[in-house]
Amino acid sequence: MSKPKKKNQKDSQLVMRLPKGERDAFVSLCKDLDTSAAREIRRFIRQFLSEHEQPSEKDT
């Protein structure tokens, strides 16, 4: 029997490449700020989508 999915369960990944130094600096700063790199990237994506939201067809 499989477990039911949680409402906010993440079900996909985004793989990206960046210079090791930038990645290490970002992860280190996140740690210093008591947050995680994944949390900050998700926050950035949500903010970016919100700022660039296009009206849907039903809104027009």
PDB file of N, CA and C in Angstrom:
ATOM      1  N   MET A   1       0.849  -1.183   0.000  1.00  0.00           N
ATOM      2  CA  MET A   1       0.000   0.000   0.000  1.00  0.00           C
ATOM      3  C   MET A   1       0.887   1.236   0.000  1.00  0.00           C
ATOM      4  N   SER A   2       0.657   2.152  -0.933  1.00  0.00           N
ATOM      5  CA  SER A   2       1.478   3.358  -0.999  1.00  0.00           C
ATOM      6  C   SER A   2       0.883   4.455  -0.145  1.00  0.00           C
ATOM      7  N   LYS A   3       1.751   5.319   0.335  1.00  0.00           N
ATOM      8  CA  LYS A   3       1.317   6.442   1.162  1.00  0.00           C
ATOM      9  C   LYS A   3       0.685   7.515   0.287  1.00  0.00           C
ATOM     10  N   PRO A   4      -0.359   8.201   0.779  1.00  0.00           N
ATOM     11  CA  PRO A   4      -0.919   9.312   0.001  1.00  0.00           C
ATOM     12  C   PRO A   4       0.062  10.477  -0.029  1.00  0.00           C
ATOM     13  N   LYS A   5       0.069  11.207  -1.138  1.00  0.00           N
ATOM     14  CA  LYS A   5       0.972  12.353  -1.267  1.00  0.00           C
ATOM     15  C   LYS A   5       0.514  13.497  -0.378  1.00  0.00           C
ATOM     16  N   LYS A   6       1.464  14.176   0.220  1.00  0.00           N
ATOM     17  CA  LYS A   6       1.166  15.384   0.973  1.00  0.00           C
ATOM     18  C   LYS A   6       0.800  16.480  -0.006  1.00  0.00           C
ATOM     19  N   LYS A   7       0.004  17.439   0.448  1.00  0.00           N
ATOM     20  CA  LYS A   7      -0.474  18.512  -0.426  1.00  0.00           C
ATOM     21  C   LYS A   7       0.672  19.289  -1.076  1.00  0.00           C
ATOM     22  N   ASN A   8       1.704  19.629  -0.326  1.00  0.00           N
ATOM     23  CA  ASN A   8       2.801  20.446  -0.840  1.00  0.00           C
ATOM     24  C   ASN A   8       4.047  19.638  -1.167  1.00  0.00           C
ATOM     25  N   GLN A   9       3.889  18.352  -1.367  1.00  0.00           N
ATOM     26  CA  GLN A   9       5.051  17.508  -1.647  1.00  0.00           C
ATOM     27  C   GLN A   9       5.685  17.893  -2.977  1.00  0.00           C
ATOM     28  N   LYS A  10       6.982  18.010  -2.963  1.00  0.00           N
ATOM     29  CA  LYS A  10       7.714  18.342  -4.183  1.00  0.00           C
ATOM     30  C   LYS A  10       7.806  17.092  -5.041  1.00  0.00           C
ATOM     31  N   ASP A  11       7.550  17.238  -6.339  1.00  0.00           N
ATOM     32  CA  ASP A  11       7.562  16.056  -7.189  1.00  0.00           C
ATOM     33  C   ASP A  11       8.411  16.225  -8.445  1.00  0.00           C
ATOM     34  N   SER A  12       9.222  17.269  -8.492  1.00  0.00           N
ATOM     35  CA  SER A  12      10.126  17.428  -9.627  1.00  0.00           C
ATOM     36  C   SER A  12      11.399  18.129  -9.167  1.00  0.00           C
ATOM     37  N   GLN A  13      12.420  18.031 -10.010  1.00  0.00           N
ATOM     38  CA  GLN A  13      13.707  18.620  -9.690  1.00  0.00           C
ATOM     39  C   GLN A  13      14.144  19.544 -10.806  1.00  0.00           C
ATOM     40  N   LEU A  14      14.962  20.500 -10.453  1.00  0.00           N
ATOM     41  CA  LEU A  14      15.591  21.406 -11.410  1.00  0.00           C
ATOM     42  C   LEU A  14      17.096  21.236 -11.226  1.00  0.00           C
ATOM     43  N   VAL A  15      17.746  20.767 -12.259  1.00  0.00           N
ATOM     44  CA  VAL A  15      19.195  20.557 -12.196  1.00  0.00           C
ATOM     45  C   VAL A  15      19.852  21.702 -12.943  1.00  0.00           C
ATOM     46  N   MET A  16      20.847  22.308 -12.326  1.00  0.00           N
ATOM     47  CA  MET A  16      21.537  23.418 -12.968  1.00  0.00           C
ATOM     48  C   MET A  16      23.027  23.329 -12.694  1.00  0.00           C
ATOM     49  N   ARG A  17      23.786  23.900 -13.583  1.00  0.00           N
ATOM     50  CA  ARG A  17      25.239  23.919 -13.428  1.00  0.00           C
ATOM     51  C   ARG A  17      25.673  25.363 -13.197  1.00  0.00           C
ATOM     52  N   LEU A  18      26.586  25.531 -12.257  1.00  0.00           N
ATOM     53  CA  LEU A  18      27.166  26.844 -11.999  1.00  0.00           C
ATOM     54  C   LEU A  18      28.575  26.633 -11.459  1.00  0.00           C
ATOM     55  N   PRO A  19      29.376  27.673 -11.494  1.00  0.00           N
ATOM     56  CA  PRO A  19      30.753  27.521 -11.005  1.00  0.00           C
ATOM     57  C   PRO A  19      30.776  27.070  -9.538  1.00  0.00           C
ATOM     58  N   LYS A  20      31.692  26.165  -9.234  1.00  0.00           N
ATOM     59  CA  LYS A  20      31.794  25.605  -7.887  1.00  0.00           C
ATOM     60  C   LYS A  20      31.962  26.690  -6.826  1.00  0.00           C
ATOM     61  N   GLY A  21      32.752  27.702  -7.124  1.00  0.00           N
ATOM     62  CA  GLY A  21      32.956  28.778  -6.151  1.00  0.00           C
ATOM     63  C   GLY A  21      31.670  29.517  -5.820  1.00  0.00           C
ATOM     64  N   GLU A  22      30.851  29.775  -6.830  1.00  0.00           N
ATOM     65  CA  GLU A  22      29.564  30.447  -6.597  1.00  0.00           C
ATOM     66  C   GLU A  22      28.640  29.551  -5.775  1.00  0.00           C
ATOM     67  N   ARG A  23      28.596  28.282  -6.136  1.00  0.00           N
ATOM     68  CA  ARG A  23      27.755  27.334  -5.395  1.00  0.00           C
ATOM     69  C   ARG A  23      28.188  27.260  -3.938  1.00  0.00           C
ATOM     70  N   ASP A  24      29.480  27.121  -3.706  1.00  0.00           N
ATOM     71  CA  ASP A  24      29.991  27.017  -2.343  1.00  0.00           C
ATOM     72  C   ASP A  24      29.726  28.286  -1.539  1.00  0.00           C
ATOM     73  N   ALA A  25      29.906  29.452  -2.157  1.00  0.00           N
ATOM     74  CA  ALA A  25      29.644  30.719  -1.472  1.00  0.00           C
ATOM     75  C   ALA A  25      28.159  30.845  -1.130  1.00  0.00           C
ATOM     76  N   PHE A  26      27.287  30.453  -2.057  1.00  0.00           N
ATOM     77  CA  PHE A  26      25.844  30.524  -1.832  1.00  0.00           C
ATOM     78  C   PHE A  26      25.423  29.602  -0.695  1.00  0.00           C
ATOM     79  N   VAL A  27      25.878  28.359  -0.729  1.00  0.00           N
ATOM     80  CA  VAL A  27      25.531  27.398   0.322  1.00  0.00           C
ATOM     81  C   VAL A  27      26.057  27.877   1.671  1.00  0.00           C
ATOM     82  N   SER A  28      27.267  28.408   1.686  1.00  0.00           N
ATOM     83  CA  SER A  28      27.857  28.903   2.931  1.00  0.00           C
ATOM     84  C   SER A  28      27.069  30.088   3.491  1.00  0.00           C
ATOM     85  N   LEU A  29      26.702  31.020   2.627  1.00  0.00           N
ATOM     86  CA  LEU A  29      25.924  32.178   3.076  1.00  0.00           C
ATOM     87  C   LEU A  29      24.554  31.739   3.587  1.00  0.00           C
ATOM     88  N   CYS A  30      23.923  30.810   2.898  1.00  0.00           N
ATOM     89  CA  CYS A  30      22.633  30.298   3.374  1.00  0.00           C
ATOM     90  C   CYS A  30      22.785  29.699   4.769  1.00  0.00           C
ATOM     91  N   LYS A  31      23.843  28.932   4.962  1.00  0.00           N
ATOM     92  CA  LYS A  31      24.082  28.332   6.274  1.00  0.00           C
ATOM     93  C   LYS A  31      24.276  29.416   7.333  1.00  0.00           C
ATOM     94  N   ASP A  32      25.056  30.450   7.004  1.00  0.00           N
ATOM     95  CA  ASP A  32      25.278  31.560   7.939  1.00  0.00           C
ATOM     96  C   ASP A  32      23.978  32.269   8.297  1.00  0.00           C
ATOM     97  N   LEU A  33      23.043  32.308   7.335  1.00  0.00           N
ATOM     98  CA  LEU A  33      21.754  32.977   7.536  1.00  0.00           C
ATOM     99  C   LEU A  33      20.682  32.026   8.063  1.00  0.00           C
ATOM    100  N   ASP A  34      21.091  30.810   8.442  1.00  0.00           N
ATOM    101  CA  ASP A  34      20.197  29.802   9.013  1.00  0.00           C
ATOM    102  C   ASP A  34      19.031  29.464   8.077  1.00  0.00           C
ATOM    103  N   THR A  35      19.367  29.254   6.811  1.00  0.00           N
ATOM    104  CA  THR A  35      18.387  28.830   5.823  1.00  0.00           C
ATOM    105  C   THR A  35      19.053  27.787   4.937  1.00  0.00           C
ATOM    106  N   SER A  36      18.338  27.281   3.976  1.00  0.00           N
ATOM    107  CA  SER A  36      18.943  26.296   3.073  1.00  0.00           C
ATOM    108  C   SER A  36      18.977  26.848   1.657  1.00  0.00           C
ATOM    109  N   ALA A  37      19.889  26.340   0.865  1.00  0.00           N
ATOM    110  CA  ALA A  37      19.991  26.763  -0.527  1.00  0.00           C
ATOM    111  C   ALA A  37      18.690  26.443  -1.265  1.00  0.00           C
ATOM    112  N   ALA A  38      18.148  25.264  -1.050  1.00  0.00           N
ATOM    113  CA  ALA A  38      16.908  24.872  -1.721  1.00  0.00           C
ATOM    114  C   ALA A  38      15.764  25.820  -1.354  1.00  0.00           C
ATOM    115  N   ARG A  39      15.656  26.170  -0.091  1.00  0.00           N
ATOM    116  CA  ARG A  39      14.584  27.078   0.347  1.00  0.00           C
ATOM    117  C   ARG A  39      14.715  28.433  -0.342  1.00  0.00           C
ATOM    118  N   GLU A  40      15.941  28.941  -0.428  1.00  0.00           N
ATOM    119  CA  GLU A  40      16.137  30.258  -1.051  1.00  0.00           C
ATOM    120  C   GLU A  40      15.892  30.221  -2.555  1.00  0.00           C
ATOM    121  N   ILE A  41      16.259  29.130  -3.202  1.00  0.00           N
ATOM    122  CA  ILE A  41      15.993  29.010  -4.640  1.00  0.00           C
ATOM    123  C   ILE A  41      14.494  28.910  -4.884  1.00  0.00           C
ATOM    124  N   ARG A  42      13.768  28.133  -4.063  1.00  0.00           N
ATOM    125  CA  ARG A  42      12.304  28.061  -4.190  1.00  0.00           C
ATOM    126  C   ARG A  42      11.680  29.434  -3.966  1.00  0.00           C
ATOM    127  N   ARG A  43      12.184  30.178  -2.963  1.00  0.00           N
ATOM    128  CA  ARG A  43      11.664  31.518  -2.689  1.00  0.00           C
ATOM    129  C   ARG A  43      11.888  32.440  -3.886  1.00  0.00           C
ATOM    130  N   PHE A  44      13.081  32.365  -4.478  1.00  0.00           N
ATOM    131  CA  PHE A  44      13.381  33.175  -5.655  1.00  0.00           C
ATOM    132  C   PHE A  44      12.427  32.839  -6.801  1.00  0.00           C
ATOM    133  N   ILE A  45      12.205  31.560  -7.052  1.00  0.00           N
ATOM    134  CA  ILE A  45      11.337  31.141  -8.153  1.00  0.00           C
ATOM    135  C   ILE A  45       9.915  31.646  -7.932  1.00  0.00           C
ATOM    136  N   ARG A  46       9.386  31.493  -6.718  1.00  0.00           N
ATOM    137  CA  ARG A  46       8.027  31.972  -6.433  1.00  0.00           C
ATOM    138  C   ARG A  46       7.924  33.483  -6.618  1.00  0.00           C
ATOM    139  N   GLN A  47       8.913  34.224  -6.143  1.00  0.00           N
ATOM    140  CA  GLN A  47       8.910  35.680  -6.280  1.00  0.00           C
ATOM    141  C   GLN A  47       9.012  36.077  -7.748  1.00  0.00           C
ATOM    142  N   PHE A  48       9.884  35.443  -8.493  1.00  0.00           N
ATOM    143  CA  PHE A  48      10.070  35.719  -9.915  1.00  0.00           C
ATOM    144  C   PHE A  48       8.782  35.466 -10.685  1.00  0.00           C
ATOM    145  N   LEU A  49       8.129  34.332 -10.402  1.00  0.00           N
ATOM    146  CA  LEU A  49       6.868  34.020 -11.072  1.00  0.00           C
ATOM    147  C   LEU A  49       5.794  35.042 -10.736  1.00  0.00           C
ATOM    148  N   SER A  50       5.735  35.438  -9.484  1.00  0.00           N
ATOM    149  CA  SER A  50       4.745  36.424  -9.057  1.00  0.00           C
ATOM    150  C   SER A  50       4.965  37.768  -9.746  1.00  0.00           C
ATOM    151  N   GLU A  51       6.213  38.195  -9.829  1.00  0.00           N
ATOM    152  CA  GLU A  51       6.532  39.483 -10.452  1.00  0.00           C
ATOM    153  C   GLU A  51       6.287  39.492 -11.954  1.00  0.00           C
ATOM    154  N   HIS A  52       6.351  38.331 -12.587  1.00  0.00           N
ATOM    155  CA  HIS A  52       6.224  38.244 -14.040  1.00  0.00           C
ATOM    156  C   HIS A  52       4.955  37.509 -14.462  1.00  0.00           C
ATOM    157  N   GLU A  53       4.002  37.462 -13.562  1.00  0.00           N
ATOM    158  CA  GLU A  53       2.772  36.731 -13.831  1.00  0.00           C
ATOM    159  C   GLU A  53       2.019  37.335 -15.012  1.00  0.00           C
ATOM    160  N   GLN A  54       1.624  36.465 -15.909  1.00  0.00           N
ATOM    161  CA  GLN A  54       0.846  36.882 -17.076  1.00  0.00           C
ATOM    162  C   GLN A  54      -0.633  36.621 -16.771  1.00  0.00           C
ATOM    163  N   PRO A  55      -1.518  37.524 -17.226  1.00  0.00           N
ATOM    164  CA  PRO A  55      -2.943  37.257 -17.001  1.00  0.00           C
ATOM    165  C   PRO A  55      -3.356  36.001 -17.759  1.00  0.00           C
ATOM    166  N   SER A  56      -4.172  35.180 -17.127  1.00  0.00           N
ATOM    167  CA  SER A  56      -4.642  33.970 -17.802  1.00  0.00           C
ATOM    168  C   SER A  56      -5.754  34.321 -18.767  1.00  0.00           C
ATOM    169  N   GLU A  57      -6.096  33.404 -19.656  1.00  0.00           N
ATOM    170  CA  GLU A  57      -7.114  33.642 -20.671  1.00  0.00           C
ATOM    171  C   GLU A  57      -8.462  33.942 -20.021  1.00  0.00           C
ATOM    172  N   LYS A  58      -8.782  33.319 -18.894  1.00  0.00           N
ATOM    173  CA  LYS A  58     -10.076  33.551 -18.259  1.00  0.00           C
ATOM    174  C   LYS A  58     -10.161  34.944 -17.636  1.00  0.00           C
ATOM    175  N   ASP A  59      -9.004  35.606 -17.391  1.00  0.00           N
ATOM    176  CA  ASP A  59      -8.995  36.961 -16.833  1.00  0.00           C
ATOM    177  C   ASP A  59      -9.230  38.026 -17.890  1.00  0.00           C
ATOM    178  N   THR A  60      -9.144  37.655 -19.149  1.00  0.00           N
ATOM    179  CA  THR A  60      -9.309  38.646 -20.217  1.00  0.00           C
ATOM    180  C   THR A  60     -10.686  38.611 -20.807  1.00  0.00           C
TER     181      THR A  60
END
